[in-house]
């Protein structure tokens, strides 16, 4: 990372003796959906690791290298597009062409991360194995989820029996032909049982907020100033679709408002790209709950994520189902913001790893939800905020990333 942007001791956070060149594949900045925020954090974090000499980032058209990053270490190649299987095949060949310059390939992906097209996702899931066969290099695949590790119907997917069989076959081939790593131990146990493979586990703390942490370090290490407010500030933040109980949480806020509680609600993030049909529903909900005076922010710059958390008192995570760990929880953890979350096993597992203690509430229980939000309001969430040092958070992310590409 640039000397003027990041103090030298961050460069020393991770030391291993033999630098390597990494070939990276995934969505990328300025996109933030389809794991682009975690991909951005992976590339920037690896660029700050002494283990990594150079990174070839094979990313979608329109991607740019963020400010405050190591422009000399990162070689960005914009070579593919979502929902374009031909471009994915071209990207595969391009990655293989660079094999003499690359020591290890790292993929950041999940089952539907290549678009809405079933063909695109089938081709995308095949890329790591193809690169492994063509390059004869080590290939590490960081998989956020599998068909077997998520409640895909609650999340809004309706695959046919044939599509499920095809997806599971591709998953099995991927696990047996490359080194697949998942964030949560529960996912490993499920996939080991389902495929007979040896799946690795590596949680990447704060990777979604790495760019925002980098900016915080660049702008100065003074403790963040939390703006005072006469009313509590609730934050809803994420990628919105059928898997989130947006209507339920807005109903709960409506009941609290009618009971006389003073608060403000920010609805941040846009509709999930995989569910464009949800945009109409999203708009209808905003119109229906105008009485809440929602502050709707659909375009949040990735380097402003920590500032967003710092402006609010309580983060609410109304997941009806999870597709792995919560990216919003992971991004928010360094800020120390108190959280309210629906009680789901993968959210509890993520919280334990991150050492955060959300108030968990039974999924879609209206009375319990109102009670827990009222409790959070009475506690005045901001008084319990314990932020983490940005440099220490970034160093922790880098250690996990270095282990990902060096040990698996």
Protein backbone atom coordinates (compact mmCIF):
# COMPACT_ATOMS: atom_id res chain seq x y z
CA UNK A 1 0.00 0.00 0.00
CA UNK A 2 1.16 3.51 -0.63
CA UNK A 3 3.42 4.96 2.07
CA UNK A 4 1.45 8.20 2.26
CA UNK A 5 -1.80 6.29 2.63
CA UNK A 6 -0.98 3.62 5.21
CA UNK A 7 1.52 3.65 8.10
CA UNK A 8 4.52 1.36 7.51
CA UNK A 9 3.70 -0.97 10.40
CA UNK A 10 0.64 -2.21 8.52
CA UNK A 11 2.96 -3.46 5.80
CA UNK A 12 4.73 -5.50 8.47
CA UNK A 13 1.50 -6.99 9.81
CA UNK A 14 1.97 -10.25 7.93
CA UNK A 15 5.40 -11.69 7.19
CA UNK A 16 6.15 -14.92 5.38
CA UNK A 17 9.48 -15.73 3.74
CA UNK A 18 8.61 -16.46 0.12
CA UNK A 19 6.47 -13.89 -1.72
CA UNK A 20 4.05 -15.29 -4.27
CA UNK A 21 2.03 -13.99 -7.20
CA UNK A 22 -1.71 -14.49 -6.82
CA UNK A 23 -4.27 -14.75 -9.60
CA UNK A 24 -7.61 -13.52 -8.24
CA UNK A 25 -11.08 -14.00 -9.73
CA UNK A 26 -14.27 -12.37 -8.47
CA UNK A 27 -16.61 -9.39 -8.72
CA UNK A 28 -14.94 -6.10 -7.87
CA UNK A 29 -15.14 -2.41 -7.00
CA UNK A 30 -17.08 -0.18 -7.60
CA UNK A 31 -19.72 -2.93 -7.56
CA UNK A 32 -20.73 -4.08 -4.10
CA UNK A 33 -23.19 -6.89 -4.91
CA UNK A 34 -22.39 -10.53 -5.69
CA UNK A 35 -19.60 -10.47 -3.11
CA UNK A 36 -17.81 -7.59 -4.82
CA UNK A 37 -17.23 -5.89 -1.46
CA UNK A 38 -15.48 -8.98 -0.08
CA UNK A 39 -13.53 -9.39 -3.35
CA UNK A 40 -12.33 -5.79 -3.09
CA UNK A 41 -11.23 -6.40 0.48
CA UNK A 42 -9.44 -9.60 -0.52
CA UNK A 43 -7.42 -7.93 -3.25
CA UNK A 44 -6.52 -4.86 -1.17
CA UNK A 45 -5.72 -6.96 1.87
CA UNK A 46 -3.47 -9.31 -0.08
CA UNK A 47 -1.75 -6.32 -1.66
CA UNK A 48 -0.71 -5.26 1.84
CA UNK A 49 0.66 -8.69 2.74
CA UNK A 50 4.40 -9.33 2.61
CA UNK A 51 3.55 -12.82 1.32
CA UNK A 52 2.13 -11.42 -1.92
CA UNK A 53 4.46 -9.98 -4.48
CA UNK A 54 1.88 -9.23 -7.17
CA UNK A 55 -1.83 -9.78 -7.84
CA UNK A 56 -3.45 -10.39 -11.20
CA UNK A 57 -7.10 -9.50 -10.62
CA UNK A 58 -9.42 -11.01 -13.25
CA UNK A 59 -12.50 -8.89 -12.68
CA UNK A 60 -15.66 -7.75 -14.52
CA UNK A 61 -15.82 -5.03 -17.15
CA UNK A 62 -16.19 -1.61 -15.56
CA UNK A 63 -14.10 -2.47 -12.50
CA UNK A 64 -11.60 0.10 -11.22
CA UNK A 65 -8.81 -0.04 -8.68
CA UNK A 66 -9.91 1.85 -5.55
CA UNK A 67 -8.18 4.87 -4.13
CA UNK A 68 -5.64 4.28 -1.35
CA UNK A 69 -4.65 0.91 -2.84
CA UNK A 70 -1.26 -0.33 -4.01
CA UNK A 71 -1.48 0.59 -7.69
CA UNK A 72 1.88 -1.04 -8.48
CA UNK A 73 1.13 -4.41 -6.90
CA UNK A 74 -2.32 -4.91 -8.42
CA UNK A 75 -2.59 -5.85 -12.11
CA UNK A 76 -6.27 -5.47 -12.94
CA UNK A 77 -7.65 -7.27 -16.00
CA UNK A 78 -11.30 -6.46 -16.81
CA UNK A 79 -12.12 -9.60 -18.76
CA UNK A 80 -15.64 -10.85 -18.00
CA UNK A 81 -19.24 -9.82 -17.38
CA UNK A 82 -22.10 -11.19 -15.32
CA UNK A 83 -24.71 -13.15 -17.29
CA UNK A 84 -22.26 -13.56 -20.17
CA UNK A 85 -21.03 -17.19 -20.34
CA UNK A 86 -18.87 -16.48 -23.40
CA UNK A 87 -16.95 -13.82 -21.49
CA UNK A 88 -16.48 -16.30 -18.62
CA UNK A 89 -14.93 -18.81 -21.02
CA UNK A 90 -12.63 -16.09 -22.35
CA UNK A 91 -11.66 -15.21 -18.79
CA UNK A 92 -10.80 -18.86 -18.12
CA UNK A 93 -8.45 -18.95 -21.10
CA UNK A 94 -6.92 -15.61 -20.10
CA UNK A 95 -6.23 -16.91 -16.60
CA UNK A 96 -4.59 -20.01 -18.04
CA UNK A 97 -2.44 -17.86 -20.36
CA UNK A 98 -0.99 -16.10 -17.30
CA UNK A 99 -0.09 -19.35 -15.52
CA UNK A 100 3.68 -18.87 -15.83
CA UNK A 101 3.36 -15.63 -13.85
CA UNK A 102 1.02 -16.98 -11.17
CA UNK A 103 1.79 -19.25 -8.22
CA UNK A 104 -1.71 -19.67 -6.78
CA UNK A 105 -5.21 -18.80 -7.98
CA UNK A 106 -7.86 -17.55 -5.55
CA UNK A 107 -11.56 -17.50 -6.47
CA UNK A 108 -14.20 -15.65 -4.44
CA UNK A 109 -17.63 -16.94 -5.39
CA UNK A 110 -20.90 -18.65 -4.54
CA UNK A 111 -23.44 -20.70 -6.45
CA UNK A 112 -25.26 -17.77 -8.13
CA UNK A 113 -22.49 -15.16 -8.15
CA UNK A 114 -22.17 -15.08 -11.94
CA UNK A 115 -25.62 -13.64 -12.68
CA UNK A 116 -29.24 -14.66 -13.08
CA UNK A 117 -28.55 -16.91 -16.07
CA UNK A 118 -28.39 -20.60 -15.16
CA UNK A 119 -25.88 -21.17 -17.96
CA UNK A 120 -23.63 -18.40 -16.64
CA UNK A 121 -23.63 -19.89 -13.15
CA UNK A 122 -22.93 -23.38 -14.52
CA UNK A 123 -19.98 -22.05 -16.53
CA UNK A 124 -18.80 -19.97 -13.59
CA UNK A 125 -18.78 -22.92 -11.20
CA UNK A 126 -16.67 -24.84 -13.74
CA UNK A 127 -13.96 -22.17 -14.10
CA UNK A 128 -11.78 -23.06 -11.08
CA UNK A 129 -11.48 -26.70 -12.11
CA UNK A 130 -10.76 -25.70 -15.72
CA UNK A 131 -8.03 -23.30 -14.55
CA UNK A 132 -6.58 -26.03 -12.35
CA UNK A 133 -6.40 -28.47 -15.28
CA UNK A 134 -5.05 -25.89 -17.75
CA UNK A 135 -2.52 -24.20 -15.47
CA UNK A 136 -1.31 -27.03 -13.20
CA UNK A 137 -1.24 -24.48 -10.40
CA UNK A 138 -2.77 -24.55 -6.94
CA UNK A 139 -6.37 -23.30 -6.96
CA UNK A 140 -8.16 -22.13 -3.81
CA UNK A 141 -11.90 -21.46 -4.00
CA UNK A 142 -13.50 -19.37 -1.26
CA UNK A 143 -17.15 -20.44 -1.44
CA UNK A 144 -19.68 -18.34 0.47
CA UNK A 145 -22.37 -21.01 0.18
CA UNK A 146 -23.54 -24.19 -1.50
CA UNK A 147 -26.99 -25.51 -2.36
CA UNK A 148 -26.77 -27.77 0.70
CA UNK A 149 -25.78 -25.02 3.15
CA UNK A 150 -28.60 -22.53 2.56
CA UNK A 151 -32.39 -22.48 2.60
CA UNK A 152 -32.54 -21.52 -1.06
CA UNK A 153 -36.33 -21.45 -1.32
CA UNK A 154 -36.68 -18.98 1.56
CA UNK A 155 -33.91 -16.92 -0.03
CA UNK A 156 -36.07 -16.68 -3.14
CA UNK A 157 -34.62 -19.29 -5.50
CA UNK A 158 -36.87 -21.87 -7.15
CA UNK A 159 -34.57 -24.38 -8.88
CA UNK A 160 -35.96 -27.41 -10.68
CA UNK A 161 -34.93 -30.94 -9.70
CA UNK A 162 -32.62 -31.09 -12.72
CA UNK A 163 -31.00 -27.78 -11.79
CA UNK A 164 -30.38 -28.99 -8.26
CA UNK A 165 -28.78 -32.19 -9.56
CA UNK A 166 -26.58 -30.23 -11.94
CA UNK A 167 -25.53 -27.78 -9.23
CA UNK A 168 -24.66 -30.57 -6.82
CA UNK A 169 -22.62 -32.37 -9.47
CA UNK A 170 -20.65 -29.20 -10.20
CA UNK A 171 -20.13 -28.63 -6.47
CA UNK A 172 -18.77 -32.15 -6.03
CA UNK A 173 -16.40 -31.79 -8.97
CA UNK A 174 -15.24 -28.44 -7.61
CA UNK A 175 -14.52 -29.87 -4.15
CA UNK A 176 -12.68 -32.89 -5.50
CA UNK A 177 -10.66 -30.99 -8.11
CA UNK A 178 -9.62 -27.84 -6.21
CA UNK A 179 -9.14 -26.73 -2.61
CA UNK A 180 -12.50 -25.38 -1.52
CA UNK A 181 -12.65 -23.27 1.63
CA UNK A 182 -15.83 -22.07 3.38
CA UNK A 183 -16.29 -19.38 6.05
CA UNK A 184 -18.16 -21.46 8.65
CA UNK A 185 -17.45 -24.81 10.27
CA UNK A 186 -21.09 -25.85 9.94
CA UNK A 187 -20.77 -25.45 6.15
CA UNK A 188 -17.67 -27.66 6.13
CA UNK A 189 -19.42 -30.42 8.07
CA UNK A 190 -22.42 -30.30 5.74
CA UNK A 191 -20.31 -30.44 2.57
CA UNK A 192 -17.91 -33.11 3.84
CA UNK A 193 -20.92 -35.30 4.54
CA UNK A 194 -22.62 -34.50 1.22
CA UNK A 195 -19.63 -34.90 -1.09
CA UNK A 196 -17.03 -36.90 0.80
CA UNK A 197 -14.54 -34.13 0.12
CA UNK A 198 -12.20 -32.38 2.52
CA UNK A 199 -13.44 -28.80 2.65
CA UNK A 200 -11.34 -26.20 4.50
CA UNK A 201 -12.57 -23.48 6.86
CA UNK A 202 -11.28 -19.91 6.96
CA UNK A 203 -13.34 -16.98 8.15
CA UNK A 204 -12.14 -13.61 6.78
CA UNK A 205 -12.91 -11.02 9.47
CA UNK A 206 -13.94 -7.51 8.35
CA UNK A 207 -13.08 -8.20 4.70
CA UNK A 208 -16.24 -6.39 3.51
CA UNK A 209 -15.17 -3.20 5.28
CA UNK A 210 -11.47 -3.37 4.39
CA UNK A 211 -11.61 -0.45 1.94
CA UNK A 212 -13.48 1.63 4.50
CA UNK A 213 -10.92 0.74 7.17
CA UNK A 214 -8.17 1.71 4.74
CA UNK A 215 -9.77 5.08 4.24
CA UNK A 216 -10.12 5.56 8.00
CA UNK A 217 -6.39 4.94 8.41
CA UNK A 218 -5.60 7.31 5.54
CA UNK A 219 -7.79 10.06 6.97
CA UNK A 220 -6.32 9.77 10.46
CA UNK A 221 -6.48 7.43 13.42
CA UNK A 222 -8.40 9.70 15.80
CA UNK A 223 -11.41 7.96 17.38
CA UNK A 224 -14.53 8.44 15.26
CA UNK A 225 -16.88 11.22 16.27
CA UNK A 226 -20.37 9.89 16.87
CA UNK A 227 -22.85 12.68 16.03
CA UNK A 228 -25.31 13.29 18.85
CA UNK A 229 -29.01 12.97 18.24
CA UNK A 230 -32.17 13.54 20.25
CA UNK A 231 -33.59 10.24 19.02
CA UNK A 232 -32.18 6.76 18.52
CA UNK A 233 -30.91 5.95 15.04
CA UNK A 234 -31.68 2.48 13.67
CA UNK A 235 -29.87 1.21 10.57
CA UNK A 236 -31.12 -1.40 8.10
CA UNK A 237 -28.22 -2.27 5.81
CA UNK A 238 -27.83 -4.97 3.19
CA UNK A 239 -28.78 -6.30 -0.20
CA UNK A 240 -32.58 -6.49 -0.20
CA UNK A 241 -34.63 -9.37 -1.54
CA UNK A 242 -37.01 -12.17 -0.49
CA UNK A 243 -34.51 -13.51 2.05
CA UNK A 244 -34.88 -10.40 4.24
CA UNK A 245 -37.96 -9.64 6.34
CA UNK A 246 -38.11 -5.96 5.40
CA UNK A 247 -41.88 -5.74 5.81
CA UNK A 248 -41.77 -7.35 9.26
CA UNK A 249 -39.13 -4.97 10.58
CA UNK A 250 -40.91 -1.91 9.17
CA UNK A 251 -44.15 -3.07 10.78
CA UNK A 252 -42.32 -3.34 14.11
CA UNK A 253 -40.96 0.17 13.74
CA UNK A 254 -44.47 1.38 12.96
CA UNK A 255 -45.77 -0.11 16.22
CA UNK A 256 -42.95 1.54 18.17
CA UNK A 257 -43.71 4.89 16.57
CA UNK A 258 -47.40 4.61 17.46
CA UNK A 259 -46.36 3.79 21.04
CA UNK A 260 -44.59 7.15 21.20
CA UNK A 261 -40.93 6.06 20.89
CA UNK A 262 -38.71 8.65 19.23
CA UNK A 263 -36.26 7.25 16.69
CA UNK A 264 -35.05 7.52 13.11
CA UNK A 265 -34.61 4.71 10.57
CA UNK A 266 -32.11 4.57 7.71
CA UNK A 267 -32.76 2.00 4.98
CA UNK A 268 -29.40 1.54 3.23
CA UNK A 269 -28.47 -0.70 0.33
CA UNK A 270 -30.17 -1.61 -2.91
CA UNK A 271 -32.20 -4.53 -4.22
CA UNK A 272 -30.28 -7.77 -4.75
CA UNK A 273 -29.24 -8.03 -8.42
CA UNK A 274 -30.48 -11.63 -8.52
CA UNK A 275 -34.04 -10.49 -7.71
CA UNK A 276 -34.85 -7.48 -9.91
CA UNK A 277 -38.55 -8.31 -9.59
CA UNK A 278 -38.27 -7.37 -5.91
CA UNK A 279 -37.69 -3.71 -6.81
CA UNK A 280 -41.43 -3.15 -7.15
CA UNK A 281 -42.03 -4.67 -3.72
CA UNK A 282 -39.17 -2.60 -2.27
CA UNK A 283 -40.73 0.60 -3.59
CA UNK A 284 -44.18 -0.38 -2.32
CA UNK A 285 -42.84 -0.94 1.20
CA UNK A 286 -41.10 2.43 1.24
CA UNK A 287 -44.36 4.12 0.15
CA UNK A 288 -46.45 2.19 2.68
CA UNK A 289 -44.26 3.23 5.60
CA UNK A 290 -43.85 6.90 4.75
CA UNK A 291 -44.96 7.71 8.30
CA UNK A 292 -41.56 6.45 9.49
CA UNK A 293 -39.79 9.18 7.46
CA UNK A 294 -37.32 6.59 6.19
CA UNK A 295 -33.92 7.87 5.14
CA UNK A 296 -33.41 5.71 2.04
CA UNK A 297 -29.82 5.44 0.79
CA UNK A 298 -29.49 2.97 -2.07
CA UNK A 299 -26.00 3.90 -3.24
CA UNK A 300 -23.47 3.60 -0.41
CA UNK A 301 -19.85 4.07 -1.47
CA UNK A 302 -17.77 1.17 -0.23
CA UNK A 303 -15.24 3.41 1.47
CA UNK A 304 -18.06 5.11 3.42
CA UNK A 305 -19.41 1.95 5.06
CA UNK A 306 -17.77 2.51 8.46
CA UNK A 307 -18.96 6.12 8.49
CA UNK A 308 -22.48 4.82 7.93
CA UNK A 309 -22.23 2.54 10.98
CA UNK A 310 -20.71 5.34 13.04
CA UNK A 311 -23.71 7.58 12.28
CA UNK A 312 -26.16 5.10 13.80
CA UNK A 313 -26.87 3.55 17.19
CA UNK A 314 -28.25 0.09 16.37
CA UNK A 315 -27.85 -2.15 13.30
CA UNK A 316 -30.82 -4.44 12.60
CA UNK A 317 -30.28 -7.64 10.57
CA UNK A 318 -33.73 -9.06 9.66
CA UNK A 319 -32.61 -12.22 7.83
CA UNK A 320 -35.37 -14.73 7.09
CA UNK A 321 -32.63 -17.09 5.89
CA UNK A 322 -28.89 -16.87 5.40
CA UNK A 323 -26.64 -17.86 2.51
CA UNK A 324 -23.63 -18.26 4.77
CA UNK A 325 -22.22 -15.66 7.14
CA UNK A 326 -23.64 -12.14 7.24
CA UNK A 327 -21.56 -9.71 5.20
CA UNK A 328 -23.29 -6.80 6.95
CA UNK A 329 -22.40 -8.19 10.40
CA UNK A 330 -18.80 -8.75 9.30
CA UNK A 331 -18.54 -5.24 7.86
CA UNK A 332 -20.09 -3.64 10.95
CA UNK A 333 -18.05 -5.47 13.58
CA UNK A 334 -15.04 -3.07 13.61
CA UNK A 335 -17.36 -0.12 14.33
CA UNK A 336 -18.64 -1.71 17.54
CA UNK A 337 -22.23 -0.81 16.68
CA UNK A 338 -24.80 -2.76 18.77
CA UNK A 339 -26.88 -5.20 16.71
CA UNK A 340 -30.30 -6.81 16.69
CA UNK A 341 -30.54 -9.94 14.53
CA UNK A 342 -33.02 -12.67 13.74
CA UNK A 343 -31.99 -15.86 15.48
CA UNK A 344 -30.47 -18.11 12.81
CA UNK A 345 -27.70 -20.70 13.39
CA UNK A 346 -25.27 -19.22 10.85
CA UNK A 347 -25.71 -15.72 12.32
CA UNK A 348 -24.95 -17.06 15.80
CA UNK A 349 -21.89 -18.86 14.44
CA UNK A 350 -20.67 -15.69 12.71
CA UNK A 351 -21.24 -13.57 15.82
CA UNK A 352 -19.22 -16.01 17.95
CA UNK A 353 -16.27 -15.83 15.53
CA UNK A 354 -16.42 -12.02 15.44
CA UNK A 355 -16.85 -11.68 19.22
CA UNK A 356 -19.96 -9.57 18.79
CA UNK A 357 -23.06 -10.06 20.94
CA UNK A 358 -26.22 -9.16 19.04
CA UNK A 359 -29.62 -9.24 20.67
CA UNK A 360 -31.14 -12.24 18.91
CA UNK A 361 -34.89 -12.43 18.33
CA UNK A 362 -37.00 -15.33 17.07
CA UNK A 363 -37.48 -15.07 13.31
CA UNK A 364 -40.59 -13.18 12.27
CA UNK A 365 -42.08 -13.04 15.79
CA UNK A 366 -43.73 -9.57 15.72
CA UNK A 367 -44.19 -9.18 19.46
CA UNK A 368 -40.70 -10.38 20.33
CA UNK A 369 -39.23 -8.10 17.66
CA UNK A 370 -41.03 -5.03 19.00
CA UNK A 371 -39.90 -5.90 22.53
CA UNK A 372 -36.24 -6.35 21.57
CA UNK A 373 -36.16 -3.13 19.53
CA UNK A 374 -37.72 -1.27 22.44
CA UNK A 375 -35.10 -2.78 24.76
CA UNK A 376 -32.33 -1.64 22.42
CA UNK A 377 -33.84 1.84 22.33
CA UNK A 378 -34.06 2.03 26.12
CA UNK A 379 -30.39 1.01 26.38
CA UNK A 380 -29.45 3.81 23.97
CA UNK A 381 -27.17 1.60 21.85
CA UNK A 382 -24.48 4.24 21.35
CA UNK A 383 -23.44 4.09 25.01
CA UNK A 384 -22.32 0.51 24.54
CA UNK A 385 -20.21 1.07 21.43
CA UNK A 386 -16.65 -0.26 21.64
CA UNK A 387 -14.95 0.38 18.26
CA UNK A 388 -11.92 -1.60 17.16
CA UNK A 389 -8.67 -0.04 16.02
CA UNK A 390 -8.63 0.15 12.18
CA UNK A 391 -5.00 -0.93 11.89
CA UNK A 392 -5.52 -3.94 14.12
CA UNK A 393 -8.69 -4.89 12.22
CA UNK A 394 -6.89 -4.66 8.88
CA UNK A 395 -3.95 -6.69 10.16
CA UNK A 396 -6.37 -9.41 11.33
CA UNK A 397 -7.96 -9.51 7.87
CA UNK A 398 -4.54 -9.73 6.23
CA UNK A 399 -3.43 -12.60 8.45
CA UNK A 400 -6.53 -14.57 7.49
CA UNK A 401 -6.05 -13.81 3.79
CA UNK A 402 -2.37 -14.77 3.87
CA UNK A 403 -3.29 -18.08 5.50
CA UNK A 404 -5.94 -18.62 2.81
CA UNK A 405 -3.45 -18.42 -0.06
CA UNK A 406 -0.44 -19.92 1.69
CA UNK A 407 -1.73 -22.86 3.76
CA UNK A 408 -4.64 -24.33 1.82
